[in-house]
Amino acid sequence: MGQRQYPACVPRAGKPRLRPLEDLVALPRRSPLTGELRRALTAASGLHGILSDLAPVPVRATATISEAGAYRFRKKDPIDVRVSRLGGRVALGFLHELGHLLDHQVFYDRKTRTWASAVHVAFTPWRTAAAKLERRPLPGGRHRQRYFQATHEVWARSYAQTVLLRSADPVLEAQLAKLQADDDPHVWPAEQFDDVAVEVEHVFARLGLTQLTLPLAA
């Protein structure tokens, strides 16, 4: 039996530097999802950049029905971000995985499988605020429920909802409003989430990810 072949990780080069998110991920060029992915990426990039020495992380469209997306990595290095074209949650699913990518690149202990969101001091006030959120159970067994309530999962959901909320994009704002109106378990009601959104933004500031130079208007 041959040795198991793992997908290649994204390479690194040079020193970590603060970069816009558009430099961090490579969206698919020929996919019906590209427009919506770019819209979500633009919204996220308006909130923060990332300190990184990574080559662009590929974003791949899939037809998975069991999950809206996935962030694949090995040890400290990303492999790719996957987003399902099925299920109607393209922007939300992509932003969820982008939140995982950020979390993982800030800190990850491979021995304990601990992410930055669980232990890093920059996330402490967010953890306090998020602990007050309603637990939103998904259909499924006990193992799935435990995973859904893990700190890095709550962070990714908080991140995605904050980006949609702060996007100033009518299309993304309408998507969030519909998810909330449908009582979708992947988001929280607006009245519960306001304080958490503020703390998500403060995480970006504490990590020094909001210091990118913006182009000046003519």
N, C-alpha and C. Protein backbone atom coordinates (compact mmCIF):
# COMPACT_ATOMS: atom_id res chain seq x y z
N MET A 1 0.85 -1.20 0.00
CA MET A 1 0.00 0.00 0.00
C MET A 1 0.88 1.24 0.00
N GLY A 2 0.62 2.18 -0.91
CA GLY A 2 1.43 3.39 -1.01
C GLY A 2 1.21 4.33 0.16
N GLN A 3 2.19 5.19 0.37
CA GLN A 3 2.10 6.18 1.43
C GLN A 3 1.05 7.22 1.08
N ARG A 4 0.29 7.62 2.09
CA ARG A 4 -0.77 8.61 1.86
C ARG A 4 -0.17 9.92 1.38
N GLN A 5 -0.74 10.47 0.31
CA GLN A 5 -0.29 11.73 -0.25
C GLN A 5 -1.17 12.88 0.25
N TYR A 6 -0.55 13.84 0.91
CA TYR A 6 -1.28 15.00 1.40
C TYR A 6 -1.26 16.12 0.36
N PRO A 7 -2.30 16.92 0.29
CA PRO A 7 -2.27 18.08 -0.62
C PRO A 7 -1.15 19.02 -0.21
N ALA A 8 -0.61 19.73 -1.18
CA ALA A 8 0.47 20.67 -0.90
C ALA A 8 -0.05 21.86 -0.11
N CYS A 9 0.76 22.31 0.84
CA CYS A 9 0.44 23.52 1.60
C CYS A 9 0.85 24.75 0.80
N VAL A 10 0.28 25.87 1.16
CA VAL A 10 0.63 27.14 0.53
C VAL A 10 2.04 27.54 0.98
N PRO A 11 2.93 27.90 0.06
CA PRO A 11 4.29 28.25 0.44
C PRO A 11 4.37 29.63 1.10
N ARG A 12 5.51 29.87 1.73
CA ARG A 12 5.79 31.16 2.37
C ARG A 12 7.07 31.74 1.77
N ALA A 13 7.16 33.07 1.82
CA ALA A 13 8.36 33.72 1.29
C ALA A 13 8.54 35.08 1.97
N GLY A 14 9.78 35.40 2.32
CA GLY A 14 10.07 36.69 2.91
C GLY A 14 9.60 36.79 4.35
N LYS A 15 9.49 38.03 4.81
CA LYS A 15 9.07 38.30 6.19
C LYS A 15 7.57 38.60 6.21
N PRO A 16 6.89 38.25 7.31
CA PRO A 16 5.47 38.63 7.43
C PRO A 16 5.32 40.14 7.34
N ARG A 17 4.29 40.56 6.62
CA ARG A 17 4.02 41.98 6.46
C ARG A 17 2.50 42.17 6.42
N LEU A 18 2.07 43.36 6.77
CA LEU A 18 0.64 43.65 6.75
C LEU A 18 0.18 43.82 5.32
N ARG A 19 -0.80 43.00 4.94
CA ARG A 19 -1.26 42.96 3.55
C ARG A 19 -2.78 43.01 3.49
N PRO A 20 -3.33 43.55 2.41
CA PRO A 20 -4.79 43.48 2.22
C PRO A 20 -5.22 42.04 1.96
N LEU A 21 -6.45 41.74 2.29
CA LEU A 21 -6.95 40.37 2.12
C LEU A 21 -6.95 39.94 0.66
N GLU A 22 -7.09 40.89 -0.25
CA GLU A 22 -7.06 40.54 -1.67
C GLU A 22 -5.72 39.91 -2.06
N ASP A 23 -4.67 40.21 -1.29
CA ASP A 23 -3.36 39.60 -1.55
C ASP A 23 -3.22 38.22 -0.91
N LEU A 24 -4.11 37.91 0.02
CA LEU A 24 -3.98 36.68 0.79
C LEU A 24 -4.67 35.50 0.15
N VAL A 25 -5.78 35.73 -0.53
CA VAL A 25 -6.54 34.63 -1.12
C VAL A 25 -6.64 34.80 -2.63
N ALA A 26 -6.69 33.68 -3.32
CA ALA A 26 -6.85 33.66 -4.78
C ALA A 26 -8.22 33.10 -5.11
N LEU A 27 -9.13 33.97 -5.53
CA LEU A 27 -10.49 33.53 -5.86
C LEU A 27 -10.47 32.74 -7.17
N PRO A 28 -11.43 31.83 -7.33
CA PRO A 28 -11.50 31.10 -8.61
C PRO A 28 -11.78 32.06 -9.76
N ARG A 29 -11.12 31.84 -10.89
CA ARG A 29 -11.26 32.76 -12.02
C ARG A 29 -12.51 32.47 -12.84
N ARG A 30 -12.85 31.21 -12.97
CA ARG A 30 -14.00 30.82 -13.80
C ARG A 30 -14.97 30.03 -12.95
N SER A 31 -15.79 30.73 -12.24
CA SER A 31 -16.78 30.08 -11.39
C SER A 31 -17.97 31.01 -11.25
N PRO A 32 -19.18 30.47 -11.23
CA PRO A 32 -20.35 31.32 -11.00
C PRO A 32 -20.36 31.93 -9.60
N LEU A 33 -19.47 31.45 -8.71
CA LEU A 33 -19.41 31.99 -7.35
C LEU A 33 -18.50 33.20 -7.23
N THR A 34 -17.69 33.46 -8.25
CA THR A 34 -16.63 34.46 -8.11
C THR A 34 -17.16 35.84 -7.74
N GLY A 35 -18.25 36.27 -8.35
CA GLY A 35 -18.79 37.58 -8.06
C GLY A 35 -19.19 37.72 -6.60
N GLU A 36 -19.88 36.74 -6.07
CA GLU A 36 -20.32 36.81 -4.68
C GLU A 36 -19.13 36.68 -3.73
N LEU A 37 -18.17 35.84 -4.08
CA LEU A 37 -16.97 35.72 -3.26
C LEU A 37 -16.20 37.04 -3.22
N ARG A 38 -16.08 37.70 -4.36
CA ARG A 38 -15.36 38.98 -4.41
C ARG A 38 -16.10 40.03 -3.59
N ARG A 39 -17.40 40.03 -3.64
CA ARG A 39 -18.19 40.98 -2.86
C ARG A 39 -17.93 40.79 -1.36
N ALA A 40 -17.93 39.52 -0.92
CA ALA A 40 -17.68 39.23 0.50
C ALA A 40 -16.25 39.57 0.88
N LEU A 41 -15.28 39.28 0.00
CA LEU A 41 -13.89 39.58 0.29
C LEU A 41 -13.69 41.09 0.41
N THR A 42 -14.31 41.87 -0.45
CA THR A 42 -14.21 43.32 -0.38
C THR A 42 -14.74 43.83 0.95
N ALA A 43 -15.84 43.25 1.42
CA ALA A 43 -16.41 43.67 2.70
C ALA A 43 -15.45 43.37 3.84
N ALA A 44 -14.85 42.18 3.84
CA ALA A 44 -13.91 41.81 4.89
C ALA A 44 -12.66 42.68 4.84
N SER A 45 -12.18 42.95 3.64
CA SER A 45 -10.97 43.74 3.47
C SER A 45 -11.17 45.18 3.94
N GLY A 46 -12.40 45.64 3.93
CA GLY A 46 -12.69 46.97 4.45
C GLY A 46 -12.55 47.07 5.96
N LEU A 47 -12.52 45.93 6.64
CA LEU A 47 -12.40 45.91 8.10
C LEU A 47 -10.99 45.65 8.59
N HIS A 48 -10.21 44.88 7.83
CA HIS A 48 -8.88 44.53 8.33
C HIS A 48 -8.02 43.96 7.21
N GLY A 49 -6.71 43.94 7.46
CA GLY A 49 -5.76 43.21 6.63
C GLY A 49 -5.26 42.01 7.40
N ILE A 50 -4.09 41.48 7.02
CA ILE A 50 -3.52 40.34 7.72
C ILE A 50 -2.00 40.42 7.67
N LEU A 51 -1.36 40.06 8.77
CA LEU A 51 0.10 40.00 8.84
C LEU A 51 0.51 38.60 8.39
N SER A 52 1.18 38.51 7.24
CA SER A 52 1.42 37.18 6.67
C SER A 52 2.59 37.19 5.70
N ASP A 53 3.23 36.01 5.59
CA ASP A 53 4.25 35.77 4.57
C ASP A 53 3.81 34.71 3.58
N LEU A 54 2.51 34.44 3.53
CA LEU A 54 1.97 33.39 2.68
C LEU A 54 1.82 33.83 1.23
N ALA A 55 2.02 32.89 0.32
CA ALA A 55 1.53 33.07 -1.04
C ALA A 55 0.00 33.01 -0.99
N PRO A 56 -0.71 33.46 -2.04
CA PRO A 56 -2.17 33.45 -2.00
C PRO A 56 -2.75 32.06 -1.74
N VAL A 57 -3.71 32.01 -0.83
CA VAL A 57 -4.40 30.76 -0.48
C VAL A 57 -5.52 30.54 -1.49
N PRO A 58 -5.53 29.41 -2.20
CA PRO A 58 -6.57 29.20 -3.21
C PRO A 58 -7.95 28.99 -2.60
N VAL A 59 -8.94 29.58 -3.22
CA VAL A 59 -10.35 29.36 -2.85
C VAL A 59 -10.96 28.49 -3.93
N ARG A 60 -11.52 27.36 -3.54
CA ARG A 60 -12.04 26.38 -4.50
C ARG A 60 -13.54 26.20 -4.30
N ALA A 61 -14.28 26.22 -5.40
CA ALA A 61 -15.71 25.95 -5.36
C ALA A 61 -15.94 24.44 -5.36
N THR A 62 -16.89 23.98 -4.54
CA THR A 62 -17.23 22.56 -4.46
C THR A 62 -18.74 22.40 -4.59
N ALA A 63 -19.16 21.14 -4.62
CA ALA A 63 -20.60 20.82 -4.64
C ALA A 63 -20.98 20.03 -3.40
N THR A 64 -20.29 20.30 -2.30
CA THR A 64 -20.57 19.60 -1.05
C THR A 64 -21.93 20.01 -0.49
N ILE A 65 -22.69 19.03 -0.04
CA ILE A 65 -24.01 19.33 0.54
C ILE A 65 -23.98 19.26 2.07
N SER A 66 -22.93 18.70 2.64
CA SER A 66 -22.87 18.51 4.09
C SER A 66 -22.36 19.74 4.82
N GLU A 67 -21.69 20.67 4.13
CA GLU A 67 -21.15 21.86 4.77
C GLU A 67 -21.04 22.98 3.75
N ALA A 68 -21.15 24.22 4.25
CA ALA A 68 -21.08 25.38 3.36
C ALA A 68 -19.66 25.68 2.93
N GLY A 69 -18.69 25.20 3.69
CA GLY A 69 -17.30 25.46 3.34
C GLY A 69 -16.36 24.70 4.23
N ALA A 70 -15.07 24.83 3.97
CA ALA A 70 -14.04 24.18 4.77
C ALA A 70 -12.73 24.95 4.63
N TYR A 71 -11.99 25.03 5.72
CA TYR A 71 -10.63 25.56 5.69
C TYR A 71 -9.70 24.40 5.96
N ARG A 72 -8.89 24.06 4.98
CA ARG A 72 -7.98 22.92 5.12
C ARG A 72 -6.57 23.43 5.41
N PHE A 73 -5.91 22.75 6.33
CA PHE A 73 -4.55 23.15 6.70
C PHE A 73 -3.81 21.93 7.24
N ARG A 74 -2.50 22.07 7.31
CA ARG A 74 -1.68 21.05 7.95
C ARG A 74 -0.66 21.77 8.83
N LYS A 75 -0.72 21.45 10.12
CA LYS A 75 0.11 22.12 11.12
C LYS A 75 -0.20 23.62 11.07
N LYS A 76 0.79 24.47 10.74
CA LYS A 76 0.58 25.91 10.74
C LYS A 76 0.27 26.46 9.34
N ASP A 77 0.27 25.59 8.34
CA ASP A 77 0.20 26.06 6.96
C ASP A 77 -1.15 25.76 6.31
N PRO A 78 -1.75 26.75 5.64
CA PRO A 78 -3.00 26.52 4.92
C PRO A 78 -2.80 25.65 3.69
N ILE A 79 -3.85 24.95 3.31
CA ILE A 79 -3.90 24.22 2.04
C ILE A 79 -4.82 24.96 1.08
N ASP A 80 -6.06 25.17 1.50
CA ASP A 80 -7.01 25.92 0.69
C ASP A 80 -8.24 26.26 1.50
N VAL A 81 -9.09 27.08 0.91
CA VAL A 81 -10.42 27.39 1.43
C VAL A 81 -11.42 26.83 0.43
N ARG A 82 -12.41 26.10 0.91
CA ARG A 82 -13.41 25.51 0.03
C ARG A 82 -14.79 26.08 0.35
N VAL A 83 -15.54 26.38 -0.70
CA VAL A 83 -16.87 26.96 -0.55
C VAL A 83 -17.83 26.19 -1.45
N SER A 84 -18.93 25.72 -0.85
CA SER A 84 -19.90 24.96 -1.62
C SER A 84 -20.82 25.91 -2.40
N ARG A 85 -21.08 25.54 -3.65
CA ARG A 85 -22.02 26.33 -4.45
C ARG A 85 -23.47 25.94 -4.16
N LEU A 86 -23.66 24.92 -3.31
CA LEU A 86 -24.99 24.47 -2.94
C LEU A 86 -25.37 24.99 -1.56
N GLY A 87 -26.65 25.14 -1.30
CA GLY A 87 -27.12 25.50 0.02
C GLY A 87 -27.43 26.97 0.22
N GLY A 88 -27.03 27.84 -0.73
CA GLY A 88 -27.43 29.24 -0.65
C GLY A 88 -26.71 30.07 0.38
N ARG A 89 -25.52 29.63 0.83
CA ARG A 89 -24.77 30.41 1.84
C ARG A 89 -23.35 30.69 1.36
N VAL A 90 -23.20 31.11 0.13
CA VAL A 90 -21.85 31.28 -0.43
C VAL A 90 -21.07 32.33 0.35
N ALA A 91 -21.61 33.54 0.49
CA ALA A 91 -20.90 34.61 1.19
C ALA A 91 -20.66 34.24 2.64
N LEU A 92 -21.69 33.77 3.32
CA LEU A 92 -21.56 33.40 4.73
C LEU A 92 -20.54 32.29 4.90
N GLY A 93 -20.61 31.26 4.05
CA GLY A 93 -19.68 30.14 4.16
C GLY A 93 -18.25 30.57 3.91
N PHE A 94 -18.03 31.40 2.90
CA PHE A 94 -16.69 31.89 2.60
C PHE A 94 -16.14 32.72 3.75
N LEU A 95 -16.94 33.62 4.29
CA LEU A 95 -16.47 34.47 5.38
C LEU A 95 -16.19 33.64 6.63
N HIS A 96 -16.98 32.63 6.87
CA HIS A 96 -16.74 31.72 7.99
C HIS A 96 -15.34 31.10 7.87
N GLU A 97 -15.00 30.62 6.69
CA GLU A 97 -13.69 29.99 6.50
C GLU A 97 -12.57 31.03 6.51
N LEU A 98 -12.85 32.24 6.04
CA LEU A 98 -11.86 33.31 6.13
C LEU A 98 -11.57 33.64 7.60
N GLY A 99 -12.61 33.59 8.42
CA GLY A 99 -12.42 33.78 9.86
C GLY A 99 -11.53 32.70 10.45
N HIS A 100 -11.70 31.46 10.01
CA HIS A 100 -10.82 30.38 10.45
C HIS A 100 -9.38 30.62 10.01
N LEU A 101 -9.20 31.06 8.76
CA LEU A 101 -7.85 31.32 8.25
C LEU A 101 -7.14 32.38 9.09
N LEU A 102 -7.82 33.47 9.39
CA LEU A 102 -7.25 34.51 10.23
C LEU A 102 -6.89 33.97 11.61
N ASP A 103 -7.81 33.29 12.24
CA ASP A 103 -7.63 32.70 13.57
C ASP A 103 -6.40 31.79 13.60
N HIS A 104 -6.31 30.91 12.62
CA HIS A 104 -5.23 29.93 12.53
C HIS A 104 -3.88 30.60 12.31
N GLN A 105 -3.84 31.68 11.51
CA GLN A 105 -2.57 32.33 11.21
C GLN A 105 -2.09 33.23 12.34
N VAL A 106 -2.99 33.68 13.20
CA VAL A 106 -2.56 34.45 14.37
C VAL A 106 -1.85 33.55 15.36
N PHE A 107 -2.43 32.37 15.62
CA PHE A 107 -1.81 31.42 16.55
C PHE A 107 -2.49 30.06 16.40
N TYR A 108 -1.66 29.02 16.42
CA TYR A 108 -2.19 27.66 16.45
C TYR A 108 -1.18 26.75 17.13
N ASP A 109 -1.61 26.02 18.16
CA ASP A 109 -0.77 25.05 18.85
C ASP A 109 -1.16 23.67 18.34
N ARG A 110 -0.28 23.06 17.56
CA ARG A 110 -0.64 21.80 16.92
C ARG A 110 -0.74 20.65 17.91
N LYS A 111 -0.07 20.76 19.08
CA LYS A 111 -0.16 19.69 20.08
C LYS A 111 -1.53 19.66 20.75
N THR A 112 -2.02 20.83 21.12
CA THR A 112 -3.32 20.91 21.80
C THR A 112 -4.46 21.26 20.85
N ARG A 113 -4.11 21.58 19.59
CA ARG A 113 -5.09 22.02 18.59
C ARG A 113 -5.86 23.25 19.08
N THR A 114 -5.13 24.15 19.70
CA THR A 114 -5.71 25.38 20.22
C THR A 114 -5.50 26.52 19.24
N TRP A 115 -6.58 27.25 18.97
CA TRP A 115 -6.54 28.37 18.03
C TRP A 115 -6.39 29.69 18.81
N ALA A 116 -6.01 30.74 18.10
CA ALA A 116 -5.85 32.05 18.72
C ALA A 116 -7.12 32.49 19.45
N SER A 117 -8.27 32.25 18.85
CA SER A 117 -9.53 32.72 19.43
C SER A 117 -9.76 32.18 20.84
N ALA A 118 -9.15 31.05 21.18
CA ALA A 118 -9.36 30.44 22.50
C ALA A 118 -8.39 30.94 23.55
N VAL A 119 -7.22 31.46 23.14
CA VAL A 119 -6.19 31.76 24.14
C VAL A 119 -5.51 33.11 23.98
N HIS A 120 -5.53 33.69 22.79
CA HIS A 120 -4.77 34.93 22.55
C HIS A 120 -5.41 36.09 23.30
N VAL A 121 -4.56 36.94 23.90
CA VAL A 121 -5.07 38.04 24.71
C VAL A 121 -5.90 39.03 23.90
N ALA A 122 -5.60 39.17 22.62
CA ALA A 122 -6.36 40.11 21.79
C ALA A 122 -7.83 39.72 21.66
N PHE A 123 -8.13 38.44 21.89
CA PHE A 123 -9.50 37.95 21.76
C PHE A 123 -10.25 37.92 23.10
N THR A 124 -9.58 38.28 24.20
CA THR A 124 -10.19 38.10 25.51
C THR A 124 -11.52 38.82 25.67
N PRO A 125 -11.63 40.13 25.36
CA PRO A 125 -12.94 40.78 25.50
C PRO A 125 -13.99 40.18 24.56
N TRP A 126 -13.56 39.74 23.37
CA TRP A 126 -14.52 39.07 22.49
C TRP A 126 -15.03 37.79 23.13
N ARG A 127 -14.13 37.00 23.74
CA ARG A 127 -14.58 35.75 24.39
C ARG A 127 -15.60 36.05 25.48
N THR A 128 -15.38 37.13 26.24
CA THR A 128 -16.32 37.50 27.30
C THR A 128 -17.69 37.84 26.72
N ALA A 129 -17.69 38.63 25.64
CA ALA A 129 -18.96 39.02 25.01
C ALA A 129 -19.63 37.82 24.36
N ALA A 130 -18.85 36.97 23.68
CA ALA A 130 -19.43 35.82 22.98
C ALA A 130 -20.02 34.80 23.94
N ALA A 131 -19.48 34.74 25.16
CA ALA A 131 -20.00 33.78 26.14
C ALA A 131 -21.44 34.08 26.52
N LYS A 132 -21.89 35.30 26.27
CA LYS A 132 -23.27 35.69 26.61
C LYS A 132 -24.26 35.40 25.48
N LEU A 133 -23.74 34.98 24.33
CA LEU A 133 -24.64 34.70 23.20
C LEU A 133 -25.43 33.42 23.44
N GLU A 134 -26.62 33.40 22.89
CA GLU A 134 -27.45 32.20 22.92
C GLU A 134 -26.76 31.06 22.19
N ARG A 135 -26.81 29.87 22.76
CA ARG A 135 -26.30 28.69 22.06
C ARG A 135 -27.28 28.33 20.95
N ARG A 136 -26.79 28.23 19.74
CA ARG A 136 -27.64 28.00 18.58
C ARG A 136 -27.41 26.57 18.10
N PRO A 137 -28.21 25.60 18.54
CA PRO A 137 -27.95 24.21 18.18
C PRO A 137 -28.28 23.91 16.72
N LEU A 138 -27.45 23.09 16.12
CA LEU A 138 -27.68 22.58 14.78
C LEU A 138 -28.28 21.19 14.87
N PRO A 139 -29.00 20.76 13.84
CA PRO A 139 -29.43 19.36 13.81
C PRO A 139 -28.21 18.45 13.80
N GLY A 140 -28.28 17.35 14.53
CA GLY A 140 -27.15 16.43 14.56
C GLY A 140 -26.88 15.91 15.96
N GLY A 141 -25.92 15.04 16.07
CA GLY A 141 -25.61 14.38 17.33
C GLY A 141 -24.79 15.24 18.28
N ARG A 142 -24.42 14.63 19.40
CA ARG A 142 -23.72 15.33 20.47
C ARG A 142 -22.35 15.83 20.02
N HIS A 143 -21.65 15.00 19.23
CA HIS A 143 -20.32 15.41 18.77
C HIS A 143 -20.41 16.66 17.91
N ARG A 144 -21.40 16.71 17.02
CA ARG A 144 -21.55 17.90 16.17
C ARG A 144 -21.90 19.13 17.00
N GLN A 145 -22.72 18.95 18.03
CA GLN A 145 -23.08 20.08 18.87
C GLN A 145 -21.86 20.62 19.61
N ARG A 146 -21.01 19.71 20.12
CA ARG A 146 -19.80 20.15 20.82
C ARG A 146 -18.89 20.92 19.88
N TYR A 147 -18.74 20.41 18.67
CA TYR A 147 -17.88 21.09 17.70
C TYR A 147 -18.45 22.47 17.36
N PHE A 148 -19.75 22.56 17.17
CA PHE A 148 -20.40 23.80 16.79
C PHE A 148 -20.21 24.88 17.86
N GLN A 149 -20.06 24.45 19.13
CA GLN A 149 -19.89 25.41 20.23
C GLN A 149 -18.43 25.63 20.59
N ALA A 150 -17.49 24.99 19.88
CA ALA A 150 -16.07 25.21 20.14
C ALA A 150 -15.73 26.68 19.89
N THR A 151 -14.74 27.20 20.63
CA THR A 151 -14.43 28.63 20.55
C THR A 151 -14.08 29.06 19.14
N HIS A 152 -13.30 28.25 18.42
CA HIS A 152 -12.92 28.68 17.07
C HIS A 152 -14.10 28.67 16.11
N GLU A 153 -15.11 27.84 16.39
CA GLU A 153 -16.31 27.88 15.55
C GLU A 153 -17.17 29.10 15.87
N VAL A 154 -17.31 29.41 17.16
CA VAL A 154 -18.06 30.62 17.54
C VAL A 154 -17.37 31.85 16.98
N TRP A 155 -16.03 31.87 17.00
CA TRP A 155 -15.31 32.99 16.40
C TRP A 155 -15.62 33.11 14.91
N ALA A 156 -15.53 32.00 14.17
CA ALA A 156 -15.75 32.06 12.73
C ALA A 156 -17.16 32.55 12.41
N ARG A 157 -18.14 32.11 13.18
CA ARG A 157 -19.51 32.58 12.96
C ARG A 157 -19.64 34.05 13.32
N SER A 158 -18.99 34.47 14.42
CA SER A 158 -19.00 35.88 14.81
C SER A 158 -18.34 36.74 13.74
N TYR A 159 -17.22 36.26 13.24
CA TYR A 159 -16.49 37.00 12.20
C TYR A 159 -17.37 37.18 10.96
N ALA A 160 -17.96 36.10 10.47
CA ALA A 160 -18.78 36.17 9.27
C ALA A 160 -19.96 37.12 9.45
N GLN A 161 -20.63 37.03 10.58
CA GLN A 161 -21.79 37.89 10.81
C GLN A 161 -21.36 39.35 10.93
N THR A 162 -20.22 39.62 11.56
CA THR A 162 -19.74 40.99 11.68
C THR A 162 -19.43 41.59 10.32
N VAL A 163 -18.78 40.82 9.45
CA VAL A 163 -18.46 41.34 8.12
C VAL A 163 -19.74 41.65 7.35
N LEU A 164 -20.72 40.76 7.38
CA LEU A 164 -21.99 41.04 6.71
C LEU A 164 -22.65 42.29 7.29
N LEU A 165 -22.62 42.40 8.62
CA LEU A 165 -23.28 43.51 9.30
C LEU A 165 -22.62 44.85 8.98
N ARG A 166 -21.30 44.86 8.89
CA ARG A 166 -20.55 46.11 8.69
C ARG A 166 -20.21 46.36 7.22
N SER A 167 -20.73 45.56 6.32
CA SER A 167 -20.31 45.60 4.92
C SER A 167 -20.71 46.88 4.19
N ALA A 168 -21.77 47.54 4.63
CA ALA A 168 -22.34 48.67 3.89
C ALA A 168 -22.68 48.27 2.45
N ASP A 169 -22.96 47.00 2.26
CA ASP A 169 -23.32 46.44 0.95
C ASP A 169 -24.76 45.96 1.05
N PRO A 170 -25.68 46.57 0.32
CA PRO A 170 -27.09 46.20 0.44
C PRO A 170 -27.35 44.71 0.18
N VAL A 171 -26.61 44.11 -0.74
CA VAL A 171 -26.82 42.69 -1.04
C VAL A 171 -26.44 41.83 0.15
N LEU A 172 -25.27 42.09 0.74
CA LEU A 172 -24.83 41.31 1.90
C LEU A 172 -25.68 41.59 3.12
N GLU A 173 -26.07 42.84 3.29
CA GLU A 173 -26.94 43.18 4.42
C GLU A 173 -28.29 42.46 4.29
N ALA A 174 -28.81 42.37 3.08
CA ALA A 174 -30.07 41.68 2.85
C ALA A 174 -29.93 40.18 3.13
N GLN A 175 -28.78 39.60 2.78
CA GLN A 175 -28.55 38.19 3.09
C GLN A 175 -28.58 37.95 4.59
N LEU A 176 -27.91 38.81 5.35
CA LEU A 176 -27.91 38.67 6.81
C LEU A 176 -29.33 38.83 7.36
N ALA A 177 -30.06 39.81 6.89
CA ALA A 177 -31.42 40.04 7.37
C ALA A 177 -32.30 38.82 7.11
N LYS A 178 -32.15 38.19 5.96
CA LYS A 178 -32.95 37.00 5.65
C LYS A 178 -32.58 35.84 6.55
N LEU A 179 -31.28 35.64 6.77
CA LEU A 179 -30.85 34.57 7.67
C LEU A 179 -31.43 34.77 9.06
N GLN A 180 -31.42 36.00 9.53
CA GLN A 180 -31.98 36.28 10.86
C GLN A 180 -33.49 36.11 10.87
N ALA A 181 -34.16 36.54 9.82
CA ALA A 181 -35.61 36.38 9.74
C ALA A 181 -36.01 34.91 9.70
N ASP A 182 -35.16 34.07 9.08
CA ASP A 182 -35.41 32.64 9.00
C ASP A 182 -34.96 31.90 10.26
N ASP A 183 -34.42 32.62 11.24
CA ASP A 183 -33.90 32.02 12.47
C ASP A 183 -32.84 30.96 12.16
N ASP A 184 -31.97 31.28 11.21
CA ASP A 184 -30.91 30.36 10.83
C ASP A 184 -29.93 30.21 12.00
N PRO A 185 -29.58 28.98 12.38
CA PRO A 185 -28.71 28.78 13.55
C PRO A 185 -27.28 29.26 13.35
N HIS A 186 -26.88 29.59 12.11
CA HIS A 186 -25.52 30.05 11.87
C HIS A 186 -25.33 31.52 12.21
N VAL A 187 -26.41 32.24 12.51
CA VAL A 187 -26.31 33.64 12.90
C VAL A 187 -27.14 33.87 14.16
N TRP A 188 -26.87 35.00 14.82
CA TRP A 188 -27.61 35.36 16.03
C TRP A 188 -28.55 36.52 15.73
N PRO A 189 -29.63 36.67 16.51
CA PRO A 189 -30.52 37.83 16.34
C PRO A 189 -29.74 39.13 16.53
N ALA A 190 -30.18 40.17 15.81
CA ALA A 190 -29.46 41.45 15.82
C ALA A 190 -29.31 42.00 17.23
N GLU A 191 -30.35 41.90 18.05
CA GLU A 191 -30.30 42.51 19.38
C GLU A 191 -29.29 41.82 20.30
N GLN A 192 -28.98 40.56 20.01
CA GLN A 192 -27.98 39.84 20.80
C GLN A 192 -26.56 40.13 20.34
N PHE A 193 -26.40 40.51 19.09
CA PHE A 193 -25.08 40.45 18.48
C PHE A 193 -24.31 41.78 18.46
N ASP A 194 -24.96 42.89 18.72
CA ASP A 194 -24.31 44.19 18.55
C ASP A 194 -23.00 44.30 19.33
N ASP A 195 -23.01 43.94 20.61
CA ASP A 195 -21.81 44.06 21.43
C ASP A 195 -20.70 43.14 20.94
N VAL A 196 -21.08 41.97 20.43
CA VAL A 196 -20.08 41.02 19.93
C VAL A 196 -19.43 41.57 18.67
N ALA A 197 -20.20 42.18 17.79
CA ALA A 197 -19.64 42.76 16.57
C ALA A 197 -18.60 43.82 16.90
N VAL A 198 -18.88 44.64 17.90
CA VAL A 198 -17.91 45.65 18.32
C VAL A 198 -16.62 44.99 18.78
N GLU A 199 -16.74 43.90 19.54
CA GLU A 199 -15.54 43.24 20.04
C GLU A 199 -14.76 42.51 18.93
N VAL A 200 -15.47 42.03 17.93
CA VAL A 200 -14.76 41.45 16.78
C VAL A 200 -13.90 42.52 16.12
N GLU A 201 -14.45 43.71 15.93
CA GLU A 201 -13.68 44.80 15.33
C GLU A 201 -12.50 45.20 16.21
N HIS A 202 -12.68 45.14 17.52
CA HIS A 202 -11.59 45.48 18.43
C HIS A 202 -10.46 44.44 18.35
N VAL A 203 -10.80 43.20 18.06
CA VAL A 203 -9.76 42.18 17.87
C VAL A 203 -8.84 42.60 16.73
N PHE A 204 -9.42 43.05 15.62
CA PHE A 204 -8.60 43.49 14.48
C PHE A 204 -7.65 44.61 14.90
N ALA A 205 -8.16 45.56 15.67
CA ALA A 205 -7.34 46.70 16.10
C ALA A 205 -6.23 46.23 17.04
N ARG A 206 -6.55 45.37 18.00
CA ARG A 206 -5.52 44.90 18.94
C ARG A 206 -4.43 44.12 18.24
N LEU A 207 -4.77 43.42 17.19
CA LEU A 207 -3.78 42.66 16.44
C LEU A 207 -2.98 43.52 15.46
N GLY A 208 -3.34 44.81 15.36
CA GLY A 208 -2.64 45.71 14.45
C GLY A 208 -2.96 45.47 12.99
N LEU A 209 -4.18 45.01 12.72
CA LEU A 209 -4.55 44.66 11.36
C LEU A 209 -5.39 45.73 10.66
N THR A 210 -5.50 46.90 11.29
CA THR A 210 -6.33 47.96 10.72
C THR A 210 -5.50 49.16 10.27
N GLN A 211 -4.19 48.96 10.11
CA GLN A 211 -3.29 50.07 9.81
C GLN A 211 -2.91 50.17 8.33
N LEU A 212 -3.66 49.50 7.46
CA LEU A 212 -3.36 49.57 6.03
C LEU A 212 -3.59 50.98 5.49
N THR A 213 -2.76 51.40 4.56
CA THR A 213 -2.93 52.70 3.91
C THR A 213 -4.04 52.58 2.88
N LEU A 214 -5.04 53.42 3.00
CA LEU A 214 -6.17 53.41 2.07
C LEU A 214 -5.94 54.43 0.97
N PRO A 215 -6.42 54.14 -0.26
CA PRO A 215 -6.25 55.12 -1.34
C PRO A 215 -7.06 56.38 -1.06
N LEU A 216 -6.49 57.54 -1.41
CA LEU A 216 -7.17 58.81 -1.20
C LEU A 216 -8.11 59.10 -2.35
N ALA A 217 -9.26 59.64 -2.02
CA ALA A 217 -10.20 60.02 -3.07
C ALA A 217 -9.66 61.22 -3.83
N ALA A 218 -9.94 61.26 -5.12
CA ALA A 218 -9.47 62.39 -5.93
C ALA A 218 -10.25 63.64 -5.61
